[in-house]
Amino acid sequence: MKINEYIESGILEAYVLGSASEAEANELLQLKTQHPQIEEALFKLESDLERIAEHMAITPPPNTWAKIEGGINELVKAPQFGYLIGEEPKESSRGSRSRKSEQFIEIEAESGHMRIRKIWRWVFLAVFVLGKIFLAFAIYYYLENRHTQEEIEKLKTELENKRSDN
């Protein structure tokens, strides 16, 4: 195998981009130690890709780091609610009644039914009625098409019969 052909085969690019198979990567690493041309070509390819990445990089807005730092600080300052997912809360001097109210929030509703605005009721009704109308038209046109196909078949047979009689 010629080294220049190996370098130009695209295996180096596949290796640098991470799409080379494990066997190709092992072969490349083995040949790299034996042939300095491969090592040189690999170094040049990696540096070219790095320059391209640096050239095409987009700098983030100036306040991005401040936003990230603020988000991290908020996470650190937030109280830990680990006991909500199974851990027991630490004992407090307030007693069991206050501990129960910290763990759960009781919600009461007037009814178990979901309420929707009146406009949505009409929209749902209109969609339902239009669906039924379109279904009726689809069935009608399907039956018409089937009837027309049968008529065409009858006419074809009649035409063939007249041709055979002549």
N, C-alpha and C. Protein backbone atom coordinates (compact mmCIF):
# COMPACT_ATOMS: atom_id res chain seq x y z
N MET A 1 0.85 -1.17 0.00
CA MET A 1 0.00 0.00 0.00
C MET A 1 0.90 1.24 0.00
N LYS A 2 0.61 2.16 -0.89
CA LYS A 2 1.39 3.38 -0.95
C LYS A 2 0.86 4.37 0.08
N ILE A 3 1.78 5.06 0.72
CA ILE A 3 1.41 5.98 1.80
C ILE A 3 0.59 7.15 1.26
N ASN A 4 0.95 7.73 0.13
CA ASN A 4 0.22 8.87 -0.43
C ASN A 4 -1.21 8.49 -0.79
N GLU A 5 -1.39 7.28 -1.35
CA GLU A 5 -2.74 6.82 -1.66
C GLU A 5 -3.56 6.65 -0.39
N TYR A 6 -2.92 6.15 0.66
CA TYR A 6 -3.61 5.97 1.94
C TYR A 6 -4.03 7.31 2.52
N ILE A 7 -3.13 8.29 2.42
CA ILE A 7 -3.44 9.62 2.96
C ILE A 7 -4.59 10.25 2.18
N GLU A 8 -4.63 10.07 0.87
CA GLU A 8 -5.66 10.69 0.04
C GLU A 8 -6.95 9.88 -0.01
N SER A 9 -6.98 8.73 0.63
CA SER A 9 -8.17 7.87 0.57
C SER A 9 -9.35 8.40 1.39
N GLY A 10 -9.10 9.33 2.30
CA GLY A 10 -10.18 9.88 3.10
C GLY A 10 -10.28 9.27 4.48
N ILE A 11 -9.43 8.33 4.78
CA ILE A 11 -9.47 7.69 6.09
C ILE A 11 -9.05 8.67 7.18
N LEU A 12 -8.08 9.54 6.87
CA LEU A 12 -7.65 10.53 7.86
C LEU A 12 -8.80 11.48 8.22
N GLU A 13 -9.53 11.92 7.20
CA GLU A 13 -10.67 12.82 7.45
C GLU A 13 -11.74 12.11 8.28
N ALA A 14 -12.00 10.86 7.94
CA ALA A 14 -12.99 10.09 8.69
C ALA A 14 -12.56 9.93 10.14
N TYR A 15 -11.27 9.71 10.35
CA TYR A 15 -10.75 9.55 11.71
C TYR A 15 -10.89 10.85 12.50
N VAL A 16 -10.53 11.97 11.89
CA VAL A 16 -10.59 13.27 12.58
C VAL A 16 -12.04 13.64 12.88
N LEU A 17 -12.96 13.34 11.98
CA LEU A 17 -14.36 13.67 12.19
C LEU A 17 -15.09 12.65 13.07
N GLY A 18 -14.44 11.54 13.38
CA GLY A 18 -15.02 10.55 14.27
C GLY A 18 -15.93 9.55 13.59
N SER A 19 -15.87 9.46 12.27
CA SER A 19 -16.75 8.52 11.57
C SER A 19 -16.02 7.27 11.09
N ALA A 20 -14.76 7.12 11.45
CA ALA A 20 -14.01 5.94 11.05
C ALA A 20 -14.39 4.77 11.95
N SER A 21 -14.36 3.57 11.39
CA SER A 21 -14.66 2.39 12.20
C SER A 21 -13.49 2.13 13.14
N GLU A 22 -13.73 1.25 14.09
CA GLU A 22 -12.69 0.95 15.07
C GLU A 22 -11.48 0.30 14.40
N ALA A 23 -11.72 -0.55 13.42
CA ALA A 23 -10.61 -1.21 12.71
C ALA A 23 -9.80 -0.18 11.93
N GLU A 24 -10.49 0.77 11.26
CA GLU A 24 -9.77 1.81 10.51
C GLU A 24 -8.98 2.70 11.46
N ALA A 25 -9.55 3.02 12.60
CA ALA A 25 -8.84 3.86 13.56
C ALA A 25 -7.60 3.15 14.09
N ASN A 26 -7.73 1.87 14.42
CA ASN A 26 -6.57 1.11 14.91
C ASN A 26 -5.48 1.02 13.84
N GLU A 27 -5.90 0.78 12.60
CA GLU A 27 -4.94 0.71 11.49
C GLU A 27 -4.23 2.04 11.32
N LEU A 28 -4.96 3.14 11.40
CA LEU A 28 -4.37 4.46 11.24
C LEU A 28 -3.37 4.74 12.36
N LEU A 29 -3.73 4.42 13.58
CA LEU A 29 -2.82 4.66 14.70
C LEU A 29 -1.55 3.83 14.58
N GLN A 30 -1.69 2.62 14.07
CA GLN A 30 -0.52 1.76 13.88
C GLN A 30 0.37 2.31 12.77
N LEU A 31 -0.23 2.72 11.64
CA LEU A 31 0.55 3.26 10.53
C LEU A 31 1.16 4.62 10.88
N LYS A 32 0.51 5.35 11.76
CA LYS A 32 1.00 6.67 12.17
C LYS A 32 2.34 6.55 12.89
N THR A 33 2.47 5.49 13.68
CA THR A 33 3.75 5.30 14.39
C THR A 33 4.85 4.85 13.46
N GLN A 34 4.51 4.19 12.37
CA GLN A 34 5.51 3.68 11.43
C GLN A 34 5.89 4.69 10.36
N HIS A 35 4.96 5.55 9.96
CA HIS A 35 5.21 6.47 8.84
C HIS A 35 5.01 7.92 9.30
N PRO A 36 6.06 8.71 9.27
CA PRO A 36 5.93 10.10 9.70
C PRO A 36 5.06 10.94 8.75
N GLN A 37 4.93 10.53 7.47
CA GLN A 37 4.08 11.29 6.54
C GLN A 37 2.62 11.27 7.00
N ILE A 38 2.18 10.14 7.51
CA ILE A 38 0.80 10.02 7.97
C ILE A 38 0.60 10.90 9.20
N GLU A 39 1.57 10.87 10.10
CA GLU A 39 1.47 11.70 11.29
C GLU A 39 1.44 13.18 10.92
N GLU A 40 2.25 13.55 9.97
CA GLU A 40 2.32 14.95 9.50
C GLU A 40 1.00 15.36 8.85
N ALA A 41 0.45 14.51 7.99
CA ALA A 41 -0.81 14.81 7.31
C ALA A 41 -1.96 14.91 8.32
N LEU A 42 -1.95 14.03 9.32
CA LEU A 42 -2.97 14.05 10.35
C LEU A 42 -2.90 15.34 11.16
N PHE A 43 -1.68 15.76 11.52
CA PHE A 43 -1.49 17.00 12.26
C PHE A 43 -1.97 18.20 11.44
N LYS A 44 -1.64 18.21 10.15
CA LYS A 44 -2.05 19.32 9.27
C LYS A 44 -3.57 19.37 9.15
N LEU A 45 -4.19 18.22 8.99
CA LEU A 45 -5.64 18.16 8.87
C LEU A 45 -6.33 18.65 10.15
N GLU A 46 -5.82 18.21 11.29
CA GLU A 46 -6.40 18.65 12.57
C GLU A 46 -6.24 20.15 12.77
N SER A 47 -5.07 20.69 12.42
CA SER A 47 -4.86 22.13 12.59
C SER A 47 -5.72 22.93 11.60
N ASP A 48 -5.91 22.42 10.37
CA ASP A 48 -6.78 23.10 9.41
C ASP A 48 -8.22 23.14 9.91
N LEU A 49 -8.71 22.03 10.43
CA LEU A 49 -10.07 21.99 10.95
C LEU A 49 -10.23 22.91 12.17
N GLU A 50 -9.17 22.98 12.98
CA GLU A 50 -9.23 23.88 14.14
C GLU A 50 -9.28 25.34 13.70
N ARG A 51 -8.49 25.70 12.68
CA ARG A 51 -8.53 27.06 12.15
C ARG A 51 -9.89 27.40 11.56
N ILE A 52 -10.46 26.44 10.85
CA ILE A 52 -11.80 26.66 10.28
C ILE A 52 -12.82 26.89 11.39
N ALA A 53 -12.74 26.08 12.44
CA ALA A 53 -13.67 26.22 13.56
C ALA A 53 -13.49 27.56 14.25
N GLU A 54 -12.26 28.00 14.43
CA GLU A 54 -12.01 29.31 15.05
C GLU A 54 -12.53 30.43 14.16
N HIS A 55 -12.34 30.29 12.87
CA HIS A 55 -12.76 31.34 11.94
C HIS A 55 -14.28 31.45 11.86
N MET A 56 -14.97 30.31 11.94
CA MET A 56 -16.43 30.31 11.81
C MET A 56 -17.15 30.43 13.14
N ALA A 57 -16.40 30.51 14.24
CA ALA A 57 -17.02 30.58 15.56
C ALA A 57 -17.80 31.88 15.71
N ILE A 58 -18.91 31.80 16.39
CA ILE A 58 -19.75 32.96 16.66
C ILE A 58 -19.59 33.30 18.13
N THR A 59 -19.22 34.53 18.40
CA THR A 59 -19.06 34.93 19.80
C THR A 59 -20.43 35.17 20.41
N PRO A 60 -20.62 34.70 21.63
CA PRO A 60 -21.92 34.89 22.28
C PRO A 60 -22.11 36.35 22.68
N PRO A 61 -23.35 36.74 22.92
CA PRO A 61 -23.59 38.12 23.37
C PRO A 61 -22.85 38.40 24.67
N PRO A 62 -22.51 39.65 24.92
CA PRO A 62 -21.68 39.96 26.09
C PRO A 62 -22.31 39.62 27.44
N ASN A 63 -23.62 39.60 27.54
CA ASN A 63 -24.25 39.33 28.83
C ASN A 63 -24.55 37.85 29.06
N THR A 64 -24.09 36.97 28.19
CA THR A 64 -24.39 35.54 28.32
C THR A 64 -23.78 34.95 29.59
N TRP A 65 -22.52 35.28 29.86
CA TRP A 65 -21.86 34.73 31.04
C TRP A 65 -22.57 35.19 32.31
N ALA A 66 -23.03 36.44 32.34
CA ALA A 66 -23.74 36.96 33.51
C ALA A 66 -25.04 36.18 33.72
N LYS A 67 -25.74 35.86 32.64
CA LYS A 67 -26.98 35.08 32.76
C LYS A 67 -26.70 33.68 33.30
N ILE A 68 -25.66 33.05 32.80
CA ILE A 68 -25.31 31.70 33.25
C ILE A 68 -24.94 31.73 34.73
N GLU A 69 -24.12 32.70 35.09
CA GLU A 69 -23.69 32.82 36.49
C GLU A 69 -24.89 33.11 37.40
N GLY A 70 -25.81 33.96 36.93
CA GLY A 70 -27.01 34.25 37.71
C GLY A 70 -27.87 33.02 37.90
N GLY A 71 -28.00 32.20 36.84
CA GLY A 71 -28.77 30.96 36.95
C GLY A 71 -28.15 29.99 37.94
N ILE A 72 -26.83 29.89 37.93
CA ILE A 72 -26.14 29.00 38.87
C ILE A 72 -26.33 29.50 40.29
N ASN A 73 -26.20 30.81 40.48
CA ASN A 73 -26.38 31.38 41.82
C ASN A 73 -27.80 31.15 42.34
N GLU A 74 -28.81 31.25 41.47
CA GLU A 74 -30.18 30.98 41.87
C GLU A 74 -30.35 29.53 42.31
N LEU A 75 -29.70 28.60 41.61
CA LEU A 75 -29.79 27.19 41.99
C LEU A 75 -29.15 26.95 43.34
N VAL A 76 -28.05 27.64 43.60
CA VAL A 76 -27.36 27.45 44.88
C VAL A 76 -28.18 28.05 46.01
N LYS A 77 -28.83 29.20 45.77
CA LYS A 77 -29.61 29.87 46.82
C LYS A 77 -30.95 29.20 47.07
N ALA A 78 -31.48 28.45 46.12
CA ALA A 78 -32.80 27.85 46.25
C ALA A 78 -32.80 26.82 47.37
N PRO A 79 -33.89 26.76 48.16
CA PRO A 79 -33.95 25.75 49.24
C PRO A 79 -34.02 24.35 48.65
N GLN A 80 -33.50 23.42 49.39
CA GLN A 80 -33.49 22.03 48.95
C GLN A 80 -34.80 21.37 49.34
N PHE A 81 -35.52 20.83 48.35
CA PHE A 81 -36.79 20.16 48.60
C PHE A 81 -36.66 18.67 48.32
N GLY A 82 -35.59 18.07 48.78
CA GLY A 82 -35.36 16.66 48.54
C GLY A 82 -36.40 15.78 49.19
N TYR A 83 -36.99 16.26 50.30
CA TYR A 83 -37.97 15.43 51.00
C TYR A 83 -39.25 15.26 50.20
N LEU A 84 -39.47 16.05 49.16
CA LEU A 84 -40.67 15.89 48.35
C LEU A 84 -40.60 14.65 47.47
N ILE A 85 -39.39 14.14 47.24
CA ILE A 85 -39.27 12.98 46.37
C ILE A 85 -38.89 11.72 47.15
N GLY A 86 -39.19 11.71 48.43
CA GLY A 86 -38.99 10.47 49.15
C GLY A 86 -38.15 10.59 50.40
N GLU A 87 -37.30 11.58 50.52
CA GLU A 87 -36.48 11.72 51.71
C GLU A 87 -37.33 12.33 52.83
N GLU A 88 -36.99 12.01 54.05
CA GLU A 88 -37.70 12.56 55.19
C GLU A 88 -37.14 13.94 55.50
N PRO A 89 -38.00 14.90 55.82
CA PRO A 89 -37.51 16.23 56.18
C PRO A 89 -36.81 16.21 57.53
N LYS A 90 -35.94 17.18 57.75
CA LYS A 90 -35.25 17.29 59.03
C LYS A 90 -36.26 17.70 60.10
N GLU A 91 -36.03 17.25 61.31
CA GLU A 91 -36.94 17.56 62.42
C GLU A 91 -36.88 19.05 62.70
N SER A 92 -38.02 19.65 62.92
CA SER A 92 -38.08 21.07 63.26
C SER A 92 -38.80 21.23 64.58
N SER A 93 -38.69 22.39 65.14
CA SER A 93 -39.32 22.65 66.44
C SER A 93 -40.79 23.01 66.29
N ARG A 94 -41.30 23.11 65.07
CA ARG A 94 -42.69 23.51 64.84
C ARG A 94 -43.68 22.37 65.06
N GLY A 95 -43.22 21.16 65.02
CA GLY A 95 -44.13 20.05 65.29
C GLY A 95 -44.58 19.36 64.02
N SER A 96 -45.40 18.30 64.19
CA SER A 96 -45.79 17.48 63.05
C SER A 96 -46.81 18.18 62.16
N ARG A 97 -47.64 19.06 62.70
CA ARG A 97 -48.67 19.75 61.91
C ARG A 97 -48.02 20.65 60.86
N SER A 98 -47.02 21.41 61.23
CA SER A 98 -46.36 22.30 60.28
C SER A 98 -45.55 21.51 59.27
N ARG A 99 -44.98 20.39 59.69
CA ARG A 99 -44.21 19.57 58.76
C ARG A 99 -45.12 19.00 57.69
N LYS A 100 -46.35 18.62 58.06
CA LYS A 100 -47.29 18.09 57.09
C LYS A 100 -47.69 19.17 56.07
N SER A 101 -47.89 20.38 56.54
CA SER A 101 -48.29 21.45 55.62
C SER A 101 -47.16 21.85 54.69
N GLU A 102 -45.92 21.63 55.08
CA GLU A 102 -44.79 21.94 54.20
C GLU A 102 -44.66 20.91 53.08
N GLN A 103 -45.04 19.68 53.34
CA GLN A 103 -44.85 18.61 52.37
C GLN A 103 -45.88 18.64 51.25
N PHE A 104 -47.13 18.93 51.60
CA PHE A 104 -48.19 18.82 50.63
C PHE A 104 -49.01 20.10 50.58
N ILE A 105 -49.54 20.38 49.41
CA ILE A 105 -50.45 21.50 49.23
C ILE A 105 -51.79 20.90 48.87
N GLU A 106 -52.79 21.16 49.70
CA GLU A 106 -54.11 20.61 49.44
C GLU A 106 -54.85 21.50 48.46
N ILE A 107 -55.44 20.88 47.46
CA ILE A 107 -56.19 21.61 46.45
C ILE A 107 -57.59 21.03 46.41
N GLU A 108 -58.58 21.92 46.52
CA GLU A 108 -59.97 21.48 46.43
C GLU A 108 -60.61 22.15 45.24
N ALA A 109 -61.41 21.41 44.50
CA ALA A 109 -62.10 21.96 43.35
C ALA A 109 -63.59 21.75 43.53
N GLU A 110 -64.37 22.60 42.85
CA GLU A 110 -65.82 22.50 42.95
C GLU A 110 -66.34 21.23 42.31
N SER A 111 -65.78 20.87 41.16
CA SER A 111 -66.21 19.64 40.50
C SER A 111 -65.00 19.00 39.82
N GLY A 112 -65.18 17.75 39.47
CA GLY A 112 -64.10 17.03 38.82
C GLY A 112 -64.10 17.19 37.31
N HIS A 113 -65.03 17.97 36.78
CA HIS A 113 -65.15 18.16 35.34
C HIS A 113 -64.30 19.34 34.89
N MET A 114 -63.79 19.20 33.71
CA MET A 114 -62.98 20.27 33.15
C MET A 114 -63.89 21.31 32.51
N ARG A 115 -63.63 22.56 32.78
CA ARG A 115 -64.44 23.62 32.19
C ARG A 115 -63.72 24.19 30.98
N ILE A 116 -64.47 24.41 29.93
CA ILE A 116 -63.91 25.04 28.75
C ILE A 116 -64.75 26.27 28.42
N ARG A 117 -64.14 27.21 27.78
CA ARG A 117 -64.86 28.43 27.43
C ARG A 117 -65.96 28.10 26.41
N LYS A 118 -66.99 28.93 26.41
CA LYS A 118 -68.14 28.66 25.55
C LYS A 118 -67.77 28.69 24.08
N ILE A 119 -66.83 29.53 23.69
CA ILE A 119 -66.44 29.61 22.27
C ILE A 119 -65.87 28.28 21.79
N TRP A 120 -65.13 27.59 22.66
CA TRP A 120 -64.55 26.31 22.24
C TRP A 120 -65.61 25.25 22.05
N ARG A 121 -66.67 25.34 22.80
CA ARG A 121 -67.77 24.38 22.60
C ARG A 121 -68.31 24.49 21.18
N TRP A 122 -68.49 25.73 20.71
CA TRP A 122 -69.00 25.94 19.35
C TRP A 122 -67.99 25.51 18.31
N VAL A 123 -66.71 25.76 18.59
CA VAL A 123 -65.68 25.34 17.65
C VAL A 123 -65.66 23.82 17.54
N PHE A 124 -65.70 23.12 18.67
CA PHE A 124 -65.72 21.67 18.65
C PHE A 124 -66.95 21.14 17.92
N LEU A 125 -68.09 21.77 18.17
CA LEU A 125 -69.32 21.36 17.51
C LEU A 125 -69.20 21.55 16.00
N ALA A 126 -68.66 22.70 15.56
CA ALA A 126 -68.50 22.97 14.13
C ALA A 126 -67.56 21.96 13.49
N VAL A 127 -66.45 21.63 14.15
CA VAL A 127 -65.51 20.64 13.61
C VAL A 127 -66.18 19.29 13.49
N PHE A 128 -66.96 18.91 14.48
CA PHE A 128 -67.65 17.63 14.46
C PHE A 128 -68.64 17.57 13.30
N VAL A 129 -69.45 18.63 13.14
CA VAL A 129 -70.46 18.65 12.07
C VAL A 129 -69.77 18.64 10.71
N LEU A 130 -68.72 19.45 10.54
CA LEU A 130 -67.99 19.46 9.26
C LEU A 130 -67.38 18.10 8.96
N GLY A 131 -66.89 17.43 9.97
CA GLY A 131 -66.36 16.08 9.78
C GLY A 131 -67.41 15.13 9.25
N LYS A 132 -68.60 15.20 9.81
CA LYS A 132 -69.69 14.33 9.33
C LYS A 132 -70.08 14.67 7.90
N ILE A 133 -70.11 15.97 7.57
CA ILE A 133 -70.46 16.38 6.20
C ILE A 133 -69.42 15.87 5.21
N PHE A 134 -68.14 16.04 5.55
CA PHE A 134 -67.09 15.56 4.65
C PHE A 134 -67.13 14.05 4.50
N LEU A 135 -67.45 13.35 5.58
CA LEU A 135 -67.58 11.89 5.50
C LEU A 135 -68.71 11.51 4.54
N ALA A 136 -69.82 12.20 4.64
CA ALA A 136 -70.95 11.90 3.76
C ALA A 136 -70.57 12.15 2.29
N PHE A 137 -69.89 13.27 2.03
CA PHE A 137 -69.46 13.54 0.65
C PHE A 137 -68.47 12.49 0.15
N ALA A 138 -67.57 12.06 1.02
CA ALA A 138 -66.59 11.05 0.61
C ALA A 138 -67.28 9.75 0.24
N ILE A 139 -68.26 9.34 1.04
CA ILE A 139 -68.99 8.11 0.74
C ILE A 139 -69.78 8.27 -0.56
N TYR A 140 -70.44 9.42 -0.72
CA TYR A 140 -71.21 9.67 -1.93
C TYR A 140 -70.34 9.60 -3.16
N TYR A 141 -69.19 10.30 -3.15
CA TYR A 141 -68.33 10.30 -4.34
C TYR A 141 -67.67 8.94 -4.57
N TYR A 142 -67.43 8.19 -3.52
CA TYR A 142 -66.91 6.84 -3.69
C TYR A 142 -67.93 5.97 -4.43
N LEU A 143 -69.18 6.03 -3.99
CA LEU A 143 -70.22 5.23 -4.64
C LEU A 143 -70.45 5.68 -6.08
N GLU A 144 -70.43 6.99 -6.32
CA GLU A 144 -70.57 7.52 -7.68
C GLU A 144 -69.43 7.02 -8.57
N ASN A 145 -68.22 7.05 -8.04
CA ASN A 145 -67.06 6.60 -8.82
C ASN A 145 -67.19 5.12 -9.14
N ARG A 146 -67.61 4.33 -8.18
CA ARG A 146 -67.77 2.91 -8.41
C ARG A 146 -68.85 2.65 -9.46
N HIS A 147 -69.95 3.37 -9.39
CA HIS A 147 -71.02 3.23 -10.37
C HIS A 147 -70.53 3.63 -11.77
N THR A 148 -69.77 4.73 -11.84
CA THR A 148 -69.23 5.19 -13.13
C THR A 148 -68.28 4.15 -13.71
N GLN A 149 -67.45 3.54 -12.87
CA GLN A 149 -66.53 2.51 -13.35
C GLN A 149 -67.30 1.31 -13.91
N GLU A 150 -68.38 0.95 -13.25
CA GLU A 150 -69.19 -0.16 -13.76
C GLU A 150 -69.81 0.20 -15.11
N GLU A 151 -70.29 1.43 -15.26
CA GLU A 151 -70.86 1.89 -16.53
C GLU A 151 -69.80 1.86 -17.63
N ILE A 152 -68.59 2.29 -17.31
CA ILE A 152 -67.50 2.28 -18.30
C ILE A 152 -67.21 0.85 -18.73
N GLU A 153 -67.19 -0.08 -17.80
CA GLU A 153 -66.95 -1.48 -18.13
C GLU A 153 -68.06 -2.02 -19.04
N LYS A 154 -69.31 -1.68 -18.76
CA LYS A 154 -70.42 -2.12 -19.61
C LYS A 154 -70.28 -1.56 -21.02
N LEU A 155 -69.94 -0.28 -21.10
CA LEU A 155 -69.78 0.34 -22.42
C LEU A 155 -68.62 -0.29 -23.19
N LYS A 156 -67.55 -0.62 -22.51
CA LYS A 156 -66.41 -1.27 -23.18
C LYS A 156 -66.81 -2.64 -23.73
N THR A 157 -67.56 -3.40 -22.94
CA THR A 157 -67.97 -4.72 -23.42
C THR A 157 -68.94 -4.59 -24.59
N GLU A 158 -69.86 -3.61 -24.53
CA GLU A 158 -70.78 -3.39 -25.65
C GLU A 158 -70.01 -2.99 -26.92
N LEU A 159 -69.01 -2.12 -26.75
CA LEU A 159 -68.22 -1.68 -27.91
C LEU A 159 -67.45 -2.85 -28.50
N GLU A 160 -66.89 -3.71 -27.67
CA GLU A 160 -66.18 -4.88 -28.16
C GLU A 160 -67.13 -5.84 -28.86
N ASN A 161 -68.34 -6.00 -28.33
CA ASN A 161 -69.33 -6.87 -28.97
C ASN A 161 -69.72 -6.34 -30.33
N LYS A 162 -69.90 -5.03 -30.46
CA LYS A 162 -70.26 -4.44 -31.76
C LYS A 162 -69.12 -4.57 -32.74
N ARG A 163 -67.89 -4.41 -32.29
CA ARG A 163 -66.75 -4.57 -33.18
C ARG A 163 -66.63 -6.01 -33.67
N SER A 164 -66.88 -6.96 -32.79
CA SER A 164 -66.75 -8.35 -33.18
C SER A 164 -67.90 -8.76 -34.15
N ASP A 165 -69.06 -8.11 -34.04
CA ASP A 165 -70.18 -8.41 -34.95
C ASP A 165 -69.88 -7.89 -36.34
N ASN A 166 -69.17 -6.79 -36.44
CA ASN A 166 -68.87 -6.21 -37.77
C ASN A 166 -67.78 -6.95 -38.39
